[in-house]
Amino acid sequence: MISNPKVLSVTGIGVDKLKLDALRKRPVQVRGMQRVTDVLDGCERLLRTKRIEDISIEEIANEAKIQIGSLYHFFPDKTAVIITMLERVLAEEGETFKLRPDDDALNFREYLAALEVRMTSIWRSHSSSLDLYFAFRTHPLIWEMTLESRRQTAEQIAIKLIQIYPMLTRQRALQQGSTISMTMGVLIDNLEYLPPDSQESLRREVFTMLSQYVGYTI
């Protein structure tokens, strides 16, 4: 069991919350958790200025300010660093869908707007990892994590949908939750490339489409 869950990443998810299946050895003490966290944070900092293929495992260790042997104690190779880093990104994205006290008073469109803000914040904080996700998403571990993340987000959205539309069955709410989460992801991907006026137009169209979709299928 993890002895202390308080070692966090720069964006707030502790490594104790992750499966860490790509690691050679799972950390069980605070010092080990901190080393794993430092490696992940260090790799993300390097990615802000370099391509992953130009980053060596030695550079990651130097950026994390740990000995190379300490890195290899937990990570078998650079791919394991990447997989674990992406696992953390997916976990943090998943946190954005969990209902918060303020969400209780939101109608459907307000809820979508809140999701957009949260998701955008996470992906901007991990902007250097976006290309890596698309490059590694077919890796068995990343694909498994992605499917699990989609399942969890569908469940969280379903809770909110049933709160707003009590006549929804759980099965239908889960189906809608899955569609909404994927649609919101596509929206955020496209907003990044549009000028402000076009962003608002696209946002309005997507929110209208999702509102009609939910309303039509109740």
N, C-alpha and C. Protein backbone atom coordinates (compact mmCIF):
# COMPACT_ATOMS: atom_id res chain seq x y z
N MET A 1 0.84 -1.20 0.00
CA MET A 1 0.00 0.00 0.00
C MET A 1 0.88 1.25 0.00
N ILE A 2 0.42 2.30 -0.73
CA ILE A 2 1.16 3.55 -0.74
C ILE A 2 1.14 4.16 0.66
N SER A 3 2.33 4.53 1.14
CA SER A 3 2.40 5.02 2.51
C SER A 3 2.01 6.48 2.64
N ASN A 4 2.08 7.23 1.55
CA ASN A 4 1.73 8.65 1.62
C ASN A 4 1.26 9.09 0.24
N PRO A 5 -0.02 9.50 0.11
CA PRO A 5 -0.56 9.84 -1.20
C PRO A 5 -0.40 11.31 -1.57
N LYS A 6 0.46 12.06 -0.90
CA LYS A 6 0.49 13.50 -1.07
C LYS A 6 1.51 14.01 -2.09
N VAL A 7 2.24 13.13 -2.72
CA VAL A 7 3.19 13.56 -3.74
C VAL A 7 2.42 13.77 -5.04
N LEU A 8 2.34 15.02 -5.48
CA LEU A 8 1.50 15.36 -6.62
C LEU A 8 2.33 15.80 -7.81
N SER A 9 1.71 15.72 -8.98
CA SER A 9 2.32 16.28 -10.18
C SER A 9 2.11 17.78 -10.18
N VAL A 10 2.66 18.44 -11.19
CA VAL A 10 2.50 19.89 -11.28
C VAL A 10 1.04 20.26 -11.47
N THR A 11 0.21 19.36 -11.93
CA THR A 11 -1.19 19.67 -12.14
C THR A 11 -2.13 18.96 -11.19
N GLY A 12 -1.60 18.24 -10.20
CA GLY A 12 -2.44 17.81 -9.10
C GLY A 12 -2.81 16.36 -8.94
N ILE A 13 -2.37 15.46 -9.81
CA ILE A 13 -2.69 14.03 -9.64
C ILE A 13 -1.49 13.32 -9.04
N GLY A 14 -1.70 12.64 -7.92
CA GLY A 14 -0.61 11.89 -7.31
C GLY A 14 -0.37 10.59 -8.04
N VAL A 15 0.88 10.13 -8.06
CA VAL A 15 1.19 8.88 -8.76
C VAL A 15 0.51 7.69 -8.09
N ASP A 16 0.10 7.84 -6.84
CA ASP A 16 -0.61 6.75 -6.16
C ASP A 16 -1.99 6.52 -6.77
N LYS A 17 -2.47 7.45 -7.57
CA LYS A 17 -3.78 7.31 -8.21
C LYS A 17 -3.68 6.59 -9.55
N LEU A 18 -2.48 6.30 -10.00
CA LEU A 18 -2.28 5.69 -11.31
C LEU A 18 -2.01 4.20 -11.20
N LYS A 19 -2.28 3.45 -12.27
CA LYS A 19 -1.98 2.02 -12.29
C LYS A 19 -0.48 1.77 -12.37
N LEU A 20 0.22 2.58 -13.17
CA LEU A 20 1.68 2.49 -13.32
C LEU A 20 2.11 1.13 -13.87
N ASP A 21 1.32 0.59 -14.78
CA ASP A 21 1.63 -0.73 -15.33
C ASP A 21 2.88 -0.73 -16.19
N ALA A 22 3.30 0.43 -16.68
CA ALA A 22 4.49 0.49 -17.53
C ALA A 22 5.79 0.50 -16.72
N LEU A 23 5.68 0.70 -15.41
CA LEU A 23 6.88 0.79 -14.58
C LEU A 23 7.49 -0.58 -14.32
N ARG A 24 8.79 -0.57 -14.08
CA ARG A 24 9.49 -1.79 -13.67
C ARG A 24 9.09 -2.14 -12.24
N LYS A 25 8.92 -1.11 -11.43
CA LYS A 25 8.60 -1.31 -10.02
C LYS A 25 7.73 -0.15 -9.56
N ARG A 26 6.66 -0.47 -8.85
CA ARG A 26 5.76 0.58 -8.36
C ARG A 26 6.33 1.18 -7.07
N PRO A 27 6.40 2.50 -6.96
CA PRO A 27 6.90 3.11 -5.72
C PRO A 27 5.93 2.89 -4.57
N VAL A 28 6.47 2.63 -3.39
CA VAL A 28 5.63 2.41 -2.22
C VAL A 28 5.95 3.38 -1.09
N GLN A 29 6.99 4.18 -1.27
CA GLN A 29 7.37 5.16 -0.26
C GLN A 29 7.34 6.56 -0.88
N VAL A 30 7.29 7.56 -0.02
CA VAL A 30 7.20 8.94 -0.48
C VAL A 30 8.38 9.29 -1.39
N ARG A 31 9.56 8.85 -1.02
CA ARG A 31 10.74 9.18 -1.81
C ARG A 31 10.63 8.61 -3.22
N GLY A 32 10.17 7.38 -3.34
CA GLY A 32 10.01 6.77 -4.65
C GLY A 32 8.94 7.45 -5.47
N MET A 33 7.81 7.79 -4.83
CA MET A 33 6.75 8.50 -5.54
C MET A 33 7.24 9.84 -6.06
N GLN A 34 8.07 10.51 -5.24
CA GLN A 34 8.59 11.81 -5.66
C GLN A 34 9.51 11.66 -6.87
N ARG A 35 10.31 10.60 -6.88
CA ARG A 35 11.21 10.39 -8.01
C ARG A 35 10.43 10.12 -9.29
N VAL A 36 9.40 9.29 -9.21
CA VAL A 36 8.57 9.03 -10.38
C VAL A 36 7.92 10.31 -10.86
N THR A 37 7.38 11.09 -9.93
CA THR A 37 6.76 12.36 -10.28
C THR A 37 7.75 13.30 -10.94
N ASP A 38 8.97 13.39 -10.38
CA ASP A 38 9.99 14.27 -10.94
C ASP A 38 10.37 13.86 -12.36
N VAL A 39 10.41 12.57 -12.62
CA VAL A 39 10.73 12.09 -13.97
C VAL A 39 9.63 12.51 -14.95
N LEU A 40 8.38 12.32 -14.56
CA LEU A 40 7.27 12.69 -15.44
C LEU A 40 7.25 14.20 -15.70
N ASP A 41 7.42 14.98 -14.63
CA ASP A 41 7.44 16.43 -14.78
C ASP A 41 8.63 16.88 -15.63
N GLY A 42 9.78 16.25 -15.41
CA GLY A 42 10.98 16.61 -16.16
C GLY A 42 10.82 16.32 -17.64
N CYS A 43 10.24 15.19 -17.97
CA CYS A 43 10.02 14.84 -19.37
C CYS A 43 9.07 15.84 -20.03
N GLU A 44 8.02 16.22 -19.33
CA GLU A 44 7.09 17.20 -19.90
C GLU A 44 7.77 18.55 -20.13
N ARG A 45 8.64 18.95 -19.23
CA ARG A 45 9.35 20.23 -19.44
C ARG A 45 10.25 20.15 -20.67
N LEU A 46 10.93 19.04 -20.85
CA LEU A 46 11.79 18.89 -22.02
C LEU A 46 10.98 18.92 -23.31
N LEU A 47 9.79 18.37 -23.27
CA LEU A 47 8.95 18.32 -24.47
C LEU A 47 8.47 19.70 -24.92
N ARG A 48 8.61 20.70 -24.08
CA ARG A 48 8.21 22.04 -24.48
C ARG A 48 9.14 22.63 -25.51
N THR A 49 10.34 22.11 -25.58
CA THR A 49 11.33 22.67 -26.49
C THR A 49 11.97 21.64 -27.42
N LYS A 50 11.72 20.33 -27.19
CA LYS A 50 12.36 19.31 -27.99
C LYS A 50 11.36 18.22 -28.38
N ARG A 51 11.65 17.55 -29.48
CA ARG A 51 10.84 16.39 -29.87
C ARG A 51 11.25 15.20 -29.03
N ILE A 52 10.32 14.28 -28.82
CA ILE A 52 10.60 13.15 -27.95
C ILE A 52 11.75 12.31 -28.50
N GLU A 53 11.87 12.20 -29.83
CA GLU A 53 12.94 11.40 -30.41
C GLU A 53 14.31 12.04 -30.20
N ASP A 54 14.33 13.33 -29.87
CA ASP A 54 15.59 14.02 -29.61
C ASP A 54 15.94 14.10 -28.13
N ILE A 55 15.10 13.48 -27.30
CA ILE A 55 15.32 13.50 -25.85
C ILE A 55 15.84 12.13 -25.42
N SER A 56 16.97 12.13 -24.75
CA SER A 56 17.54 10.86 -24.28
C SER A 56 17.06 10.58 -22.86
N ILE A 57 17.17 9.34 -22.46
CA ILE A 57 16.80 8.96 -21.10
C ILE A 57 17.71 9.65 -20.10
N GLU A 58 18.96 9.91 -20.50
CA GLU A 58 19.90 10.62 -19.62
C GLU A 58 19.45 12.06 -19.41
N GLU A 59 18.93 12.69 -20.47
CA GLU A 59 18.44 14.07 -20.34
C GLU A 59 17.25 14.13 -19.39
N ILE A 60 16.39 13.13 -19.48
CA ILE A 60 15.22 13.11 -18.59
C ILE A 60 15.68 13.01 -17.14
N ALA A 61 16.66 12.15 -16.90
CA ALA A 61 17.18 12.00 -15.53
C ALA A 61 17.79 13.31 -15.05
N ASN A 62 18.56 13.97 -15.92
CA ASN A 62 19.19 15.24 -15.54
C ASN A 62 18.13 16.30 -15.24
N GLU A 63 17.09 16.35 -16.09
CA GLU A 63 16.04 17.34 -15.89
C GLU A 63 15.27 17.06 -14.59
N ALA A 64 15.13 15.79 -14.26
CA ALA A 64 14.44 15.40 -13.03
C ALA A 64 15.33 15.53 -11.80
N LYS A 65 16.63 15.80 -12.06
CA LYS A 65 17.61 15.96 -10.98
C LYS A 65 17.74 14.69 -10.15
N ILE A 66 17.78 13.53 -10.84
CA ILE A 66 18.02 12.27 -10.16
C ILE A 66 19.10 11.50 -10.92
N GLN A 67 19.69 10.52 -10.29
CA GLN A 67 20.68 9.68 -10.94
C GLN A 67 19.99 8.77 -11.96
N ILE A 68 20.71 8.44 -13.03
CA ILE A 68 20.15 7.60 -14.06
C ILE A 68 19.74 6.24 -13.49
N GLY A 69 20.51 5.75 -12.51
CA GLY A 69 20.17 4.48 -11.88
C GLY A 69 18.84 4.54 -11.15
N SER A 70 18.55 5.70 -10.55
CA SER A 70 17.27 5.87 -9.86
C SER A 70 16.11 5.86 -10.84
N LEU A 71 16.34 6.45 -12.02
CA LEU A 71 15.30 6.43 -13.04
C LEU A 71 15.04 4.99 -13.50
N TYR A 72 16.12 4.26 -13.79
CA TYR A 72 15.97 2.88 -14.26
C TYR A 72 15.42 1.95 -13.16
N HIS A 73 15.52 2.38 -11.91
CA HIS A 73 14.95 1.57 -10.82
C HIS A 73 13.44 1.42 -11.01
N PHE A 74 12.82 2.47 -11.56
CA PHE A 74 11.37 2.46 -11.76
C PHE A 74 10.96 2.30 -13.22
N PHE A 75 11.70 2.92 -14.14
CA PHE A 75 11.33 2.91 -15.55
C PHE A 75 12.29 2.04 -16.35
N PRO A 76 11.79 1.04 -17.08
CA PRO A 76 12.70 0.20 -17.86
C PRO A 76 13.29 0.91 -19.06
N ASP A 77 12.57 1.93 -19.61
CA ASP A 77 13.06 2.61 -20.80
C ASP A 77 12.27 3.91 -21.00
N LYS A 78 12.60 4.63 -22.07
CA LYS A 78 11.94 5.91 -22.33
C LYS A 78 10.46 5.73 -22.65
N THR A 79 10.14 4.63 -23.32
CA THR A 79 8.73 4.38 -23.64
C THR A 79 7.89 4.29 -22.37
N ALA A 80 8.44 3.69 -21.33
CA ALA A 80 7.71 3.58 -20.07
C ALA A 80 7.47 4.96 -19.46
N VAL A 81 8.42 5.86 -19.63
CA VAL A 81 8.23 7.24 -19.16
C VAL A 81 7.07 7.88 -19.91
N ILE A 82 7.05 7.71 -21.22
CA ILE A 82 6.01 8.30 -22.05
C ILE A 82 4.64 7.73 -21.69
N ILE A 83 4.55 6.41 -21.58
CA ILE A 83 3.28 5.77 -21.27
C ILE A 83 2.75 6.24 -19.92
N THR A 84 3.63 6.33 -18.94
CA THR A 84 3.20 6.76 -17.60
C THR A 84 2.81 8.23 -17.60
N MET A 85 3.53 9.04 -18.36
CA MET A 85 3.19 10.45 -18.47
C MET A 85 1.81 10.62 -19.10
N LEU A 86 1.52 9.84 -20.14
CA LEU A 86 0.21 9.91 -20.78
C LEU A 86 -0.88 9.35 -19.89
N GLU A 87 -0.55 8.35 -19.09
CA GLU A 87 -1.53 7.83 -18.13
C GLU A 87 -1.96 8.93 -17.17
N ARG A 88 -0.99 9.73 -16.74
CA ARG A 88 -1.32 10.83 -15.83
C ARG A 88 -2.21 11.87 -16.50
N VAL A 89 -1.93 12.18 -17.77
CA VAL A 89 -2.75 13.14 -18.50
C VAL A 89 -4.20 12.64 -18.58
N LEU A 90 -4.37 11.36 -18.92
CA LEU A 90 -5.71 10.80 -19.01
C LEU A 90 -6.42 10.82 -17.66
N ALA A 91 -5.67 10.55 -16.60
CA ALA A 91 -6.26 10.58 -15.26
C ALA A 91 -6.71 11.98 -14.89
N GLU A 92 -5.90 12.97 -15.26
CA GLU A 92 -6.25 14.35 -14.93
C GLU A 92 -7.43 14.82 -15.76
N GLU A 93 -7.50 14.38 -17.01
CA GLU A 93 -8.67 14.72 -17.82
C GLU A 93 -9.92 14.10 -17.20
N GLY A 94 -9.79 12.86 -16.73
CA GLY A 94 -10.93 12.20 -16.11
C GLY A 94 -11.45 12.96 -14.89
N GLU A 95 -10.55 13.59 -14.17
CA GLU A 95 -10.96 14.36 -12.99
C GLU A 95 -11.86 15.53 -13.36
N THR A 96 -11.71 16.06 -14.59
CA THR A 96 -12.50 17.22 -14.98
C THR A 96 -13.98 16.88 -15.11
N PHE A 97 -14.31 15.59 -15.29
CA PHE A 97 -15.69 15.20 -15.47
C PHE A 97 -16.41 14.89 -14.16
N LYS A 98 -15.66 14.76 -13.09
CA LYS A 98 -16.31 14.47 -11.81
C LYS A 98 -17.15 15.66 -11.37
N LEU A 99 -18.36 15.36 -10.94
CA LEU A 99 -19.27 16.42 -10.53
C LEU A 99 -18.75 17.17 -9.32
N ARG A 100 -18.92 18.47 -9.35
CA ARG A 100 -18.52 19.34 -8.24
C ARG A 100 -19.76 19.98 -7.65
N PRO A 101 -19.68 20.47 -6.41
CA PRO A 101 -20.87 21.06 -5.79
C PRO A 101 -21.53 22.14 -6.64
N ASP A 102 -20.72 22.97 -7.30
CA ASP A 102 -21.28 24.05 -8.12
C ASP A 102 -22.04 23.53 -9.34
N ASP A 103 -21.76 22.28 -9.73
CA ASP A 103 -22.42 21.74 -10.92
C ASP A 103 -23.91 21.48 -10.69
N ASP A 104 -24.32 21.34 -9.44
CA ASP A 104 -25.71 21.01 -9.15
C ASP A 104 -26.68 22.05 -9.70
N ALA A 105 -26.25 23.31 -9.71
CA ALA A 105 -27.15 24.38 -10.14
C ALA A 105 -27.08 24.66 -11.64
N LEU A 106 -26.23 23.96 -12.36
CA LEU A 106 -26.03 24.24 -13.78
C LEU A 106 -27.06 23.53 -14.65
N ASN A 107 -27.57 24.25 -15.67
CA ASN A 107 -28.38 23.57 -16.68
C ASN A 107 -27.44 22.89 -17.67
N PHE A 108 -27.99 22.26 -18.70
CA PHE A 108 -27.17 21.44 -19.59
C PHE A 108 -26.11 22.27 -20.31
N ARG A 109 -26.49 23.40 -20.86
CA ARG A 109 -25.52 24.21 -21.59
C ARG A 109 -24.45 24.78 -20.67
N GLU A 110 -24.85 25.18 -19.49
CA GLU A 110 -23.87 25.68 -18.52
C GLU A 110 -22.90 24.58 -18.12
N TYR A 111 -23.42 23.37 -18.02
CA TYR A 111 -22.57 22.23 -17.68
C TYR A 111 -21.56 21.96 -18.79
N LEU A 112 -22.00 22.00 -20.05
CA LEU A 112 -21.08 21.83 -21.17
C LEU A 112 -19.99 22.90 -21.15
N ALA A 113 -20.37 24.13 -20.86
CA ALA A 113 -19.39 25.22 -20.81
C ALA A 113 -18.37 24.98 -19.70
N ALA A 114 -18.84 24.47 -18.57
CA ALA A 114 -17.92 24.18 -17.47
C ALA A 114 -16.96 23.06 -17.84
N LEU A 115 -17.49 22.03 -18.52
CA LEU A 115 -16.62 20.93 -18.97
C LEU A 115 -15.55 21.45 -19.93
N GLU A 116 -15.95 22.33 -20.83
CA GLU A 116 -15.00 22.87 -21.80
C GLU A 116 -13.85 23.59 -21.10
N VAL A 117 -14.18 24.40 -20.13
CA VAL A 117 -13.15 25.14 -19.40
C VAL A 117 -12.19 24.18 -18.69
N ARG A 118 -12.73 23.17 -18.04
CA ARG A 118 -11.89 22.22 -17.30
C ARG A 118 -11.00 21.42 -18.24
N MET A 119 -11.60 20.89 -19.32
CA MET A 119 -10.83 20.08 -20.26
C MET A 119 -9.74 20.90 -20.94
N THR A 120 -10.08 22.13 -21.31
CA THR A 120 -9.09 23.00 -21.96
C THR A 120 -7.93 23.28 -21.03
N SER A 121 -8.22 23.51 -19.75
CA SER A 121 -7.17 23.79 -18.77
C SER A 121 -6.20 22.63 -18.66
N ILE A 122 -6.72 21.40 -18.62
CA ILE A 122 -5.86 20.22 -18.49
C ILE A 122 -5.00 20.05 -19.73
N TRP A 123 -5.60 20.13 -20.90
CA TRP A 123 -4.83 19.88 -22.12
C TRP A 123 -3.83 20.99 -22.41
N ARG A 124 -4.15 22.21 -22.00
CA ARG A 124 -3.16 23.29 -22.16
C ARG A 124 -1.98 23.08 -21.22
N SER A 125 -2.25 22.60 -20.03
CA SER A 125 -1.15 22.37 -19.09
C SER A 125 -0.28 21.21 -19.55
N HIS A 126 -0.83 20.34 -20.41
CA HIS A 126 -0.07 19.21 -20.95
C HIS A 126 0.09 19.33 -22.47
N SER A 127 0.14 20.56 -22.97
CA SER A 127 0.16 20.76 -24.42
C SER A 127 1.31 20.04 -25.10
N SER A 128 2.44 19.92 -24.40
CA SER A 128 3.59 19.26 -25.01
C SER A 128 3.39 17.76 -25.17
N SER A 129 2.35 17.23 -24.53
CA SER A 129 2.11 15.78 -24.58
C SER A 129 1.06 15.39 -25.61
N LEU A 130 0.39 16.37 -26.22
CA LEU A 130 -0.71 16.07 -27.13
C LEU A 130 -0.28 15.20 -28.31
N ASP A 131 0.79 15.61 -28.98
CA ASP A 131 1.25 14.84 -30.13
C ASP A 131 1.65 13.42 -29.72
N LEU A 132 2.22 13.30 -28.54
CA LEU A 132 2.61 11.98 -28.06
C LEU A 132 1.40 11.08 -27.85
N TYR A 133 0.32 11.67 -27.36
CA TYR A 133 -0.87 10.86 -27.15
C TYR A 133 -1.35 10.27 -28.47
N PHE A 134 -1.42 11.09 -29.49
CA PHE A 134 -1.90 10.59 -30.78
C PHE A 134 -0.92 9.59 -31.39
N ALA A 135 0.36 9.74 -31.08
CA ALA A 135 1.35 8.81 -31.60
C ALA A 135 1.31 7.47 -30.87
N PHE A 136 0.94 7.49 -29.58
CA PHE A 136 1.00 6.28 -28.76
C PHE A 136 -0.37 5.72 -28.40
N ARG A 137 -1.44 6.28 -28.93
CA ARG A 137 -2.77 5.87 -28.46
C ARG A 137 -3.11 4.43 -28.84
N THR A 138 -2.40 3.86 -29.84
CA THR A 138 -2.65 2.46 -30.18
C THR A 138 -1.81 1.49 -29.35
N HIS A 139 -0.92 2.03 -28.51
CA HIS A 139 -0.16 1.16 -27.61
C HIS A 139 -1.16 0.45 -26.68
N PRO A 140 -1.00 -0.85 -26.45
CA PRO A 140 -2.00 -1.58 -25.65
C PRO A 140 -2.33 -0.93 -24.31
N LEU A 141 -1.32 -0.45 -23.59
CA LEU A 141 -1.59 0.16 -22.29
C LEU A 141 -2.36 1.47 -22.43
N ILE A 142 -1.96 2.30 -23.39
CA ILE A 142 -2.64 3.58 -23.59
C ILE A 142 -4.06 3.35 -24.08
N TRP A 143 -4.25 2.38 -24.97
CA TRP A 143 -5.60 2.10 -25.45
C TRP A 143 -6.48 1.61 -24.31
N GLU A 144 -5.95 0.76 -23.46
CA GLU A 144 -6.71 0.29 -22.30
C GLU A 144 -7.07 1.45 -21.38
N MET A 145 -6.10 2.34 -21.13
CA MET A 145 -6.36 3.51 -20.28
C MET A 145 -7.41 4.42 -20.91
N THR A 146 -7.34 4.59 -22.24
CA THR A 146 -8.28 5.46 -22.93
C THR A 146 -9.70 4.91 -22.81
N LEU A 147 -9.86 3.61 -23.01
CA LEU A 147 -11.18 3.01 -22.89
C LEU A 147 -11.74 3.14 -21.48
N GLU A 148 -10.87 2.95 -20.48
CA GLU A 148 -11.31 3.09 -19.10
C GLU A 148 -11.68 4.53 -18.79
N SER A 149 -10.91 5.48 -19.32
CA SER A 149 -11.21 6.90 -19.13
C SER A 149 -12.56 7.25 -19.75
N ARG A 150 -12.81 6.72 -20.95
CA ARG A 150 -14.10 6.99 -21.61
C ARG A 150 -15.26 6.41 -20.81
N ARG A 151 -15.05 5.23 -20.25
CA ARG A 151 -16.11 4.62 -19.44
C ARG A 151 -16.42 5.47 -18.21
N GLN A 152 -15.37 5.95 -17.55
CA GLN A 152 -15.57 6.74 -16.35
C GLN A 152 -16.22 8.09 -16.66
N THR A 153 -15.78 8.72 -17.75
CA THR A 153 -16.37 10.02 -18.09
C THR A 153 -17.84 9.86 -18.47
N ALA A 154 -18.17 8.77 -19.18
CA ALA A 154 -19.57 8.52 -19.53
C ALA A 154 -20.41 8.39 -18.27
N GLU A 155 -19.88 7.72 -17.26
CA GLU A 155 -20.62 7.55 -16.01
C GLU A 155 -20.83 8.88 -15.30
N GLN A 156 -19.80 9.72 -15.29
CA GLN A 156 -19.93 11.01 -14.62
C GLN A 156 -20.93 11.91 -15.32
N ILE A 157 -20.88 11.94 -16.64
CA ILE A 157 -21.84 12.75 -17.39
C ILE A 157 -23.25 12.20 -17.22
N ALA A 158 -23.38 10.88 -17.18
CA ALA A 158 -24.69 10.26 -17.00
C ALA A 158 -25.34 10.70 -15.70
N ILE A 159 -24.54 10.83 -14.65
CA ILE A 159 -25.08 11.28 -13.35
C ILE A 159 -25.70 12.66 -13.49
N LYS A 160 -25.00 13.55 -14.18
CA LYS A 160 -25.51 14.91 -14.38
C LYS A 160 -26.73 14.91 -15.29
N LEU A 161 -26.72 14.11 -16.34
CA LEU A 161 -27.86 14.06 -17.26
C LEU A 161 -29.12 13.60 -16.54
N ILE A 162 -28.99 12.58 -15.71
CA ILE A 162 -30.15 12.07 -14.98
C ILE A 162 -30.65 13.10 -13.97
N GLN A 163 -29.72 13.88 -13.44
CA GLN A 163 -30.11 14.96 -12.52
C GLN A 163 -30.96 16.00 -13.26
N ILE A 164 -30.56 16.32 -14.50
CA ILE A 164 -31.28 17.33 -15.28
C ILE A 164 -32.55 16.74 -15.89
N TYR A 165 -32.44 15.48 -16.38
CA TYR A 165 -33.55 14.83 -17.07
C TYR A 165 -33.87 13.50 -16.34
N PRO A 166 -34.64 13.56 -15.27
CA PRO A 166 -34.91 12.36 -14.45
C PRO A 166 -35.56 11.22 -15.23
N MET A 167 -36.18 11.52 -16.38
CA MET A 167 -36.85 10.47 -17.14
C MET A 167 -35.87 9.60 -17.94
N LEU A 168 -34.61 9.98 -17.99
CA LEU A 168 -33.61 9.19 -18.70
C LEU A 168 -33.33 7.88 -17.98
N THR A 169 -33.22 6.80 -18.73
CA THR A 169 -32.75 5.54 -18.14
C THR A 169 -31.24 5.63 -17.97
N ARG A 170 -30.70 4.84 -17.08
CA ARG A 170 -29.25 4.84 -16.86
C ARG A 170 -28.50 4.42 -18.13
N GLN A 171 -29.01 3.40 -18.81
CA GLN A 171 -28.35 2.92 -20.01
C GLN A 171 -28.28 4.02 -21.07
N ARG A 172 -29.40 4.72 -21.26
CA ARG A 172 -29.41 5.78 -22.27
C ARG A 172 -28.51 6.93 -21.85
N ALA A 173 -28.51 7.25 -20.56
CA ALA A 173 -27.66 8.33 -20.06
C ALA A 173 -26.18 8.00 -20.27
N LEU A 174 -25.81 6.73 -20.10
CA LEU A 174 -24.43 6.31 -20.32
C LEU A 174 -24.06 6.44 -21.80
N GLN A 175 -24.98 6.06 -22.68
CA GLN A 175 -24.72 6.20 -24.12
C GLN A 175 -24.54 7.67 -24.48
N GLN A 176 -25.39 8.50 -23.94
CA GLN A 176 -25.28 9.93 -24.23
C GLN A 176 -24.00 10.51 -23.62
N GLY A 177 -23.65 10.05 -22.42
CA GLY A 177 -22.43 10.54 -21.78
C GLY A 177 -21.20 10.25 -22.61
N SER A 178 -21.15 9.05 -23.20
CA SER A 178 -20.02 8.69 -24.06
C SER A 178 -19.95 9.60 -25.28
N THR A 179 -21.10 9.84 -25.91
CA THR A 179 -21.15 10.70 -27.09
C THR A 179 -20.76 12.13 -26.74
N ILE A 180 -21.25 12.62 -25.62
CA ILE A 180 -20.95 14.00 -25.22
C ILE A 180 -19.48 14.19 -24.93
N SER A 181 -18.86 13.25 -24.22
CA SER A 181 -17.44 13.40 -23.88
C SER A 181 -16.58 13.41 -25.14
N MET A 182 -16.89 12.51 -26.10
CA MET A 182 -16.10 12.48 -27.33
C MET A 182 -16.32 13.74 -28.16
N THR A 183 -17.56 14.22 -28.21
CA THR A 183 -17.86 15.44 -28.97
C THR A 183 -17.17 16.64 -28.37
N MET A 184 -17.13 16.72 -27.04
CA MET A 184 -16.44 17.83 -26.37
C MET A 184 -14.94 17.78 -26.67
N GLY A 185 -14.38 16.57 -26.75
CA GLY A 185 -12.97 16.46 -27.09
C GLY A 185 -12.68 16.98 -28.49
N VAL A 186 -13.55 16.64 -29.44
CA VAL A 186 -13.38 17.13 -30.81
C VAL A 186 -13.53 18.65 -30.85
N LEU A 187 -14.50 19.17 -30.12
CA LEU A 187 -14.70 20.62 -30.06
C LEU A 187 -13.44 21.33 -29.59
N ILE A 188 -12.86 20.87 -28.50
CA ILE A 188 -11.68 21.52 -27.95
C ILE A 188 -10.50 21.44 -28.90
N ASP A 189 -10.36 20.30 -29.58
CA ASP A 189 -9.28 20.17 -30.57
C ASP A 189 -9.40 21.22 -31.66
N ASN A 190 -10.62 21.48 -32.11
CA ASN A 190 -10.83 22.42 -33.21
C ASN A 190 -10.80 23.88 -32.78
N LEU A 191 -11.22 24.16 -31.55
CA LEU A 191 -11.23 25.54 -31.08
C LEU A 191 -9.83 26.15 -31.09
N GLU A 192 -8.82 25.33 -30.86
CA GLU A 192 -7.45 25.81 -30.78
C GLU A 192 -6.97 26.44 -32.08
N TYR A 193 -7.59 26.06 -33.20
CA TYR A 193 -7.12 26.52 -34.51
C TYR A 193 -7.97 27.64 -35.10
N LEU A 194 -8.98 28.10 -34.36
CA LEU A 194 -9.91 29.08 -34.91
C LEU A 194 -9.75 30.45 -34.24
N PRO A 195 -10.03 31.54 -34.97
CA PRO A 195 -10.04 32.87 -34.35
C PRO A 195 -11.21 32.98 -33.39
N PRO A 196 -11.17 33.94 -32.46
CA PRO A 196 -12.21 34.05 -31.42
C PRO A 196 -13.64 34.06 -31.94
N ASP A 197 -13.93 34.82 -33.01
CA ASP A 197 -15.30 34.89 -33.52
C ASP A 197 -15.77 33.53 -34.00
N SER A 198 -14.90 32.82 -34.70
CA SER A 198 -15.25 31.50 -35.21
C SER A 198 -15.37 30.48 -34.07
N GLN A 199 -14.59 30.68 -33.02
CA GLN A 199 -14.67 29.78 -31.87
C GLN A 199 -16.06 29.83 -31.26
N GLU A 200 -16.59 31.04 -31.07
CA GLU A 200 -17.89 31.18 -30.44
C GLU A 200 -18.99 30.58 -31.31
N SER A 201 -18.85 30.74 -32.61
CA SER A 201 -19.84 30.18 -33.52
C SER A 201 -19.83 28.66 -33.46
N LEU A 202 -18.65 28.06 -33.48
CA LEU A 202 -18.54 26.61 -33.41
C LEU A 202 -19.05 26.09 -32.07
N ARG A 203 -18.68 26.77 -30.99
CA ARG A 203 -19.13 26.37 -29.66
C ARG A 203 -20.66 26.37 -29.59
N ARG A 204 -21.26 27.43 -30.11
CA ARG A 204 -22.72 27.54 -30.08
C ARG A 204 -23.38 26.41 -30.87
N GLU A 205 -22.81 26.10 -32.04
CA GLU A 205 -23.38 25.04 -32.87
C GLU A 205 -23.27 23.68 -32.18
N VAL A 206 -22.12 23.41 -31.58
CA VAL A 206 -21.93 22.12 -30.91
C VAL A 206 -22.85 21.99 -29.71
N PHE A 207 -22.96 23.05 -28.91
CA PHE A 207 -23.84 23.00 -27.75
C PHE A 207 -25.29 22.80 -28.16
N THR A 208 -25.70 23.48 -29.26
CA THR A 208 -27.06 23.32 -29.76
C THR A 208 -27.30 21.89 -30.24
N MET A 209 -26.31 21.36 -30.97
CA MET A 209 -26.42 19.99 -31.47
C MET A 209 -26.57 18.99 -30.32
N LEU A 210 -25.74 19.14 -29.28
CA LEU A 210 -25.80 18.23 -28.15
C LEU A 210 -27.11 18.39 -27.37
N SER A 211 -27.59 19.62 -27.25
CA SER A 211 -28.86 19.85 -26.56
C SER A 211 -30.00 19.16 -27.30
N GLN A 212 -30.00 19.29 -28.62
CA GLN A 212 -31.04 18.64 -29.42
C GLN A 212 -30.92 17.12 -29.36
N TYR A 213 -29.69 16.64 -29.37
CA TYR A 213 -29.45 15.20 -29.30
C TYR A 213 -30.00 14.60 -28.00
N VAL A 214 -29.69 15.25 -26.89
CA VAL A 214 -30.17 14.75 -25.60
C VAL A 214 -31.69 14.86 -25.51
N GLY A 215 -32.21 16.01 -25.92
CA GLY A 215 -33.65 16.21 -25.84
C GLY A 215 -34.43 15.28 -26.74
N TYR A 216 -33.90 15.00 -27.91
CA TYR A 216 -34.60 14.15 -28.87
C TYR A 216 -34.66 12.69 -28.43
N THR A 217 -33.63 12.27 -27.71
CA THR A 217 -33.55 10.84 -27.38
C THR A 217 -34.05 10.50 -25.99
N ILE A 218 -34.58 11.46 -25.28
CA ILE A 218 -35.13 11.17 -23.95
C ILE A 218 -36.39 10.29 -24.10
